[in-house]
């Protein structure tokens, strides 16, 4: 079974370093990330993801992050985060 125990820093680092997201700003203890589709990409939707800078992210929040990031499969998203952190 894939782990779902991630810190905000784990998720942030993978989204920025591997996922192509850019850090836009920090509001309190939340990191705001943005993904702009590359030219010619089939998806033209700009994505904004808010990642709480907490020691542990709850499953519901992690699901919301996965949805906002465009993940189609939550388990695959968790596996991707785990492999790249």
C-alpha atoms as a PDB file:
ATOM      1  CA  UNK A   1       0.000   0.000   0.000  1.00  0.00           C
ATOM      2  CA  UNK A   2       1.241   3.457  -0.886  1.00  0.00           C
ATOM      3  CA  UNK A   3       2.026   5.835   1.968  1.00  0.00           C
ATOM      4  CA  UNK A   4      -0.120   8.913   2.398  1.00  0.00           C
ATOM      5  CA  UNK A   5       1.890  10.472   5.205  1.00  0.00           C
ATOM      6  CA  UNK A   6       3.511  13.548   3.680  1.00  0.00           C
ATOM      7  CA  UNK A   7       4.585  16.900   5.028  1.00  0.00           C
ATOM      8  CA  UNK A   8       3.787  20.107   3.209  1.00  0.00           C
ATOM      9  CA  UNK A   9       7.480  20.399   2.379  1.00  0.00           C
ATOM     10  CA  UNK A  10       7.453  16.937   0.729  1.00  0.00           C
ATOM     11  CA  UNK A  11       4.520  17.832  -1.513  1.00  0.00           C
ATOM     12  CA  UNK A  12       5.849  21.325  -2.255  1.00  0.00           C
ATOM     13  CA  UNK A  13       9.295  20.079  -3.304  1.00  0.00           C
ATOM     14  CA  UNK A  14       7.924  17.428  -5.661  1.00  0.00           C
ATOM     15  CA  UNK A  15       5.386  19.752  -7.290  1.00  0.00           C
ATOM     16  CA  UNK A  16       8.048  22.432  -7.856  1.00  0.00           C
ATOM     17  CA  UNK A  17      11.090  20.283  -8.688  1.00  0.00           C
ATOM     18  CA  UNK A  18       9.389  17.539 -10.703  1.00  0.00           C
ATOM     19  CA  UNK A  19       5.869  18.746 -11.494  1.00  0.00           C
ATOM     20  CA  UNK A  20       6.732  22.057 -13.120  1.00  0.00           C
ATOM     21  CA  UNK A  21       4.848  24.235 -10.624  1.00  0.00           C
ATOM     22  CA  UNK A  22       6.209  27.644  -9.621  1.00  0.00           C
ATOM     23  CA  UNK A  23       6.028  29.184  -6.164  1.00  0.00           C
ATOM     24  CA  UNK A  24       3.900  32.311  -6.535  1.00  0.00           C
ATOM     25  CA  UNK A  25       3.611  33.486  -2.936  1.00  0.00           C
ATOM     26  CA  UNK A  26       3.260  32.466   0.684  1.00  0.00           C
ATOM     27  CA  UNK A  27       0.187  33.438   2.663  1.00  0.00           C
ATOM     28  CA  UNK A  28       0.592  32.671   6.352  1.00  0.00           C
ATOM     29  CA  UNK A  29       1.675  29.042   6.468  1.00  0.00           C
ATOM     30  CA  UNK A  30       0.296  28.202   3.022  1.00  0.00           C
ATOM     31  CA  UNK A  31       2.401  27.987  -0.121  1.00  0.00           C
ATOM     32  CA  UNK A  32       0.645  29.034  -3.327  1.00  0.00           C
ATOM     33  CA  UNK A  33       1.885  27.290  -6.477  1.00  0.00           C
ATOM     34  CA  UNK A  34       0.974  27.811 -10.116  1.00  0.00           C
ATOM     35  CA  UNK A  35       1.353  25.650 -13.206  1.00  0.00           C
ATOM     36  CA  UNK A  36       1.254  27.290 -16.627  1.00  0.00           C
ATOM     37  CA  UNK A  37       0.843  24.787 -19.471  1.00  0.00           C
ATOM     38  CA  UNK A  38       3.731  24.714 -21.931  1.00  0.00           C
ATOM     39  CA  UNK A  39       3.008  25.993 -25.410  1.00  0.00           C
ATOM     40  CA  UNK A  40       1.302  23.338 -27.494  1.00  0.00           C
ATOM     41  CA  UNK A  41       0.220  21.327 -24.437  1.00  0.00           C
ATOM     42  CA  UNK A  42      -3.173  19.654 -24.824  1.00  0.00           C
ATOM     43  CA  UNK A  43      -4.343  21.125 -21.512  1.00  0.00           C
ATOM     44  CA  UNK A  44      -4.509  24.918 -21.627  1.00  0.00           C
ATOM     45  CA  UNK A  45      -5.850  25.314 -18.084  1.00  0.00           C
ATOM     46  CA  UNK A  46      -3.670  27.216 -15.600  1.00  0.00           C
ATOM     47  CA  UNK A  47      -3.600  25.362 -12.288  1.00  0.00           C
ATOM     48  CA  UNK A  48      -3.220  26.895  -8.835  1.00  0.00           C
ATOM     49  CA  UNK A  49      -2.454  24.693  -5.841  1.00  0.00           C
ATOM     50  CA  UNK A  50      -2.327  25.674  -2.178  1.00  0.00           C
ATOM     51  CA  UNK A  51      -0.031  23.531  -0.024  1.00  0.00           C
ATOM     52  CA  UNK A  52      -0.123  23.972   3.756  1.00  0.00           C
ATOM     53  CA  UNK A  53       3.378  24.137   5.260  1.00  0.00           C
ATOM     54  CA  UNK A  54       2.471  21.627   7.968  1.00  0.00           C
ATOM     55  CA  UNK A  55       4.401  18.669   9.359  1.00  0.00           C
ATOM     56  CA  UNK A  56       1.630  16.325   8.236  1.00  0.00           C
ATOM     57  CA  UNK A  57      -1.090  16.862   5.639  1.00  0.00           C
ATOM     58  CA  UNK A  58      -4.485  15.232   6.230  1.00  0.00           C
ATOM     59  CA  UNK A  59      -5.831  12.810   3.615  1.00  0.00           C
ATOM     60  CA  UNK A  60      -8.686  15.142   2.635  1.00  0.00           C
ATOM     61  CA  UNK A  61      -6.305  18.039   2.072  1.00  0.00           C
ATOM     62  CA  UNK A  62      -3.944  15.782   0.135  1.00  0.00           C
ATOM     63  CA  UNK A  63      -6.856  14.704  -2.102  1.00  0.00           C
ATOM     64  CA  UNK A  64      -7.710  18.369  -2.738  1.00  0.00           C
ATOM     65  CA  UNK A  65      -4.088  19.098  -3.645  1.00  0.00           C
ATOM     66  CA  UNK A  66      -4.075  16.128  -6.050  1.00  0.00           C
ATOM     67  CA  UNK A  67      -7.311  17.339  -7.674  1.00  0.00           C
ATOM     68  CA  UNK A  68      -6.043  20.917  -7.969  1.00  0.00           C
ATOM     69  CA  UNK A  69      -2.777  19.664  -9.474  1.00  0.00           C
ATOM     70  CA  UNK A  70      -4.698  17.739 -12.133  1.00  0.00           C
ATOM     71  CA  UNK A  71      -4.078  14.201 -10.875  1.00  0.00           C
ATOM     72  CA  UNK A  72      -6.526  11.687 -12.289  1.00  0.00           C
ATOM     73  CA  UNK A  73      -5.671   8.956  -9.767  1.00  0.00           C
ATOM     74  CA  UNK A  74      -5.101   9.736  -6.089  1.00  0.00           C
ATOM     75  CA  UNK A  75      -3.126   6.543  -5.390  1.00  0.00           C
ATOM     76  CA  UNK A  76      -0.825   7.226  -8.353  1.00  0.00           C
ATOM     77  CA  UNK A  77      -0.364  10.820  -7.139  1.00  0.00           C
ATOM     78  CA  UNK A  78       0.673   9.597  -3.668  1.00  0.00           C
ATOM     79  CA  UNK A  79       3.057   7.072  -5.208  1.00  0.00           C
ATOM     80  CA  UNK A  80       4.573   9.827  -7.396  1.00  0.00           C
ATOM     81  CA  UNK A  81       5.076  12.098  -4.371  1.00  0.00           C
ATOM     82  CA  UNK A  82       6.609   9.225  -2.396  1.00  0.00           C
ATOM     83  CA  UNK A  83       9.019   8.262  -5.193  1.00  0.00           C
ATOM     84  CA  UNK A  84      10.214  11.819  -5.796  1.00  0.00           C
ATOM     85  CA  UNK A  85      10.488  13.315  -2.316  1.00  0.00           C
END
